[in-house]
Amino acid sequence: MTFHFWLSRISEGATYMDALHHDVAKALMRLPASKDAEFQERYDVFLAKLERIFRAEERWMEEIRFPELKHHREQHASILDTLYHGRTQLRGGNTQFGRNIVENLLPEWLHFHASTMDSALARELRVAALT
């Protein structure tokens, strides 16, 4: 799994956003190689990082009155709902369910979200000089 593409193109110079995205990408890239015994813990770490990033993005959007705030927030809520469901499955012993989210769903979702929602946000943050 590689996130080089979306990491290299995501922010268009929004440095705070860059740092957050690199942090979450590193946490996500560690997950597939995790043994089942440590997968749940790393999944939880990843989820917590993603929640922090989403909160930061949403604060920035509120500060600049970003016109797509509602839609962006809905995308965050949707993927978090899926990840929470995955955490429930993991705690019930279904590690493969969590691995499928990490290895199949998230890379595609992150690429789409980054190239649409986050790219637009990064441009607005640059204009507002919040980066």
Protein backbone atom coordinates (compact mmCIF):
# COMPACT_ATOMS: atom_id res chain seq x y z
CA MET A 1 0.00 0.00 0.00
CA THR A 2 1.43 3.38 -0.97
CA PHE A 3 0.12 6.81 -0.22
CA HIS A 4 2.91 8.68 -1.99
CA PHE A 5 0.58 9.95 -4.69
CA TRP A 6 -2.02 11.51 -2.45
CA LEU A 7 0.54 12.75 0.03
CA SER A 8 2.52 14.51 -2.68
CA ARG A 9 -0.50 16.23 -4.22
CA ILE A 10 -2.95 16.76 -1.42
CA SER A 11 -2.34 20.11 0.16
CA GLU A 12 -1.02 22.36 -2.55
CA GLY A 13 1.10 24.11 0.06
CA ALA A 14 -1.11 24.06 3.15
CA THR A 15 1.72 23.15 5.52
CA TYR A 16 -0.34 22.43 8.66
CA MET A 17 -2.60 20.19 6.64
CA ASP A 18 0.44 18.49 5.10
CA ALA A 19 1.85 17.61 8.50
CA LEU A 20 -1.45 16.14 9.70
CA HIS A 21 -1.90 14.08 6.56
CA HIS A 22 1.64 12.71 6.68
CA ASP A 23 1.10 11.70 10.31
CA VAL A 24 -2.09 9.80 9.55
CA ALA A 25 -0.55 8.19 6.44
CA LYS A 26 2.34 6.83 8.49
CA ALA A 27 -0.08 5.35 11.02
CA LEU A 28 -2.17 3.82 8.25
CA MET A 29 0.81 2.34 6.43
CA ARG A 30 1.83 0.45 9.58
CA LEU A 31 -1.50 -1.34 9.81
CA PRO A 32 -1.34 -3.96 7.02
CA ALA A 33 1.97 -5.38 8.30
CA SER A 34 0.66 -5.64 11.87
CA LYS A 35 0.16 -9.06 13.34
CA ASP A 36 -3.40 -9.74 14.41
CA ALA A 37 -2.44 -9.31 18.08
CA GLU A 38 -1.35 -5.70 17.52
CA PHE A 39 -3.70 -4.78 14.69
CA GLN A 40 -6.55 -3.61 16.92
CA GLU A 41 -4.27 -1.33 18.95
CA ARG A 42 -2.77 0.23 15.81
CA TYR A 43 -6.24 0.56 14.29
CA ASP A 44 -7.34 2.50 17.39
CA VAL A 45 -4.25 4.75 17.15
CA PHE A 46 -4.99 5.39 13.50
CA LEU A 47 -8.65 6.16 14.23
CA ALA A 48 -7.70 8.62 16.98
CA LYS A 49 -5.28 10.41 14.64
CA LEU A 50 -7.90 10.62 11.92
CA GLU A 51 -10.44 12.05 14.36
CA ARG A 52 -7.93 14.75 15.40
CA ILE A 53 -7.23 15.64 11.79
CA PHE A 54 -10.91 15.88 10.98
CA ARG A 55 -11.51 18.13 14.00
CA ALA A 56 -8.64 20.40 12.92
CA GLU A 57 -9.93 20.61 9.35
CA GLU A 58 -13.43 21.37 10.56
CA ARG A 59 -12.16 24.16 12.84
CA TRP A 60 -10.28 25.69 9.90
CA MET A 61 -13.36 25.44 7.72
CA GLU A 62 -15.44 27.21 10.37
CA GLU A 63 -12.82 29.95 10.74
CA ILE A 64 -12.79 30.76 7.04
CA ARG A 65 -16.51 30.08 6.53
CA PHE A 66 -15.70 27.42 3.96
CA PRO A 67 -18.73 27.02 1.67
CA GLU A 68 -18.40 23.23 1.49
CA LEU A 69 -18.19 22.75 5.27
CA LYS A 70 -21.42 20.76 5.52
CA HIS A 71 -20.52 18.36 2.71
CA HIS A 72 -16.93 17.98 3.91
CA ARG A 73 -18.11 17.27 7.44
CA GLU A 74 -20.59 14.68 6.11
CA GLN A 75 -17.76 12.86 4.33
CA HIS A 76 -15.76 12.81 7.56
CA ALA A 77 -18.73 11.48 9.49
CA SER A 78 -19.41 8.78 6.93
CA ILE A 79 -15.90 7.31 6.96
CA LEU A 80 -15.70 7.59 10.75
CA ASP A 81 -18.96 5.65 11.02
CA THR A 82 -17.41 2.89 8.90
CA LEU A 83 -14.24 2.92 11.01
CA TYR A 84 -16.23 2.74 14.26
CA HIS A 85 -18.10 -0.24 12.86
CA GLY A 86 -14.74 -1.79 11.99
CA ARG A 87 -13.53 -1.22 15.54
CA THR A 88 -16.62 -3.00 16.88
CA GLN A 89 -15.92 -5.93 14.55
CA LEU A 90 -12.27 -6.01 15.65
CA ARG A 91 -13.23 -6.10 19.30
CA GLY A 92 -15.50 -9.01 18.47
CA GLY A 93 -12.55 -10.89 16.98
CA ASN A 94 -13.19 -10.17 13.30
CA THR A 95 -9.74 -8.90 12.36
CA GLN A 96 -10.29 -9.52 8.66
CA PHE A 97 -13.13 -7.00 8.62
CA GLY A 98 -10.79 -4.29 9.93
CA ARG A 99 -8.06 -5.32 7.51
CA ASN A 100 -10.48 -5.03 4.59
CA ILE A 101 -11.30 -1.48 5.62
CA VAL A 102 -7.63 -0.56 5.95
CA GLU A 103 -6.38 -2.29 2.83
CA ASN A 104 -9.27 -1.78 0.42
CA LEU A 105 -11.68 0.96 1.46
CA LEU A 106 -9.45 3.58 3.07
CA PRO A 107 -6.84 4.01 0.33
CA GLU A 108 -9.54 4.73 -2.25
CA TRP A 109 -11.57 6.92 0.10
CA LEU A 110 -8.51 8.92 1.16
CA HIS A 111 -7.41 9.45 -2.41
CA PHE A 112 -10.89 10.65 -3.44
CA HIS A 113 -11.37 12.83 -0.37
CA ALA A 114 -7.91 14.36 -0.65
CA SER A 115 -8.17 15.12 -4.34
CA THR A 116 -11.60 16.74 -3.99
CA MET A 117 -12.54 18.04 -0.54
CA ASP A 118 -9.08 18.52 0.98
CA SER A 119 -7.60 20.01 -2.16
CA ALA A 120 -10.33 22.66 -2.24
CA LEU A 121 -9.90 23.32 1.46
CA ALA A 122 -6.12 23.68 1.07
CA ARG A 123 -6.59 26.31 -1.65
CA GLU A 124 -8.97 28.28 0.57
CA LEU A 125 -6.65 28.00 3.55
CA ARG A 126 -3.79 29.38 1.46
CA VAL A 127 -5.94 32.29 0.35
CA ALA A 128 -6.96 32.95 3.97
CA ALA A 129 -3.28 32.65 5.03
CA LEU A 130 -4.07 30.03 7.68
CA THR A 131 -1.36 27.61 6.55
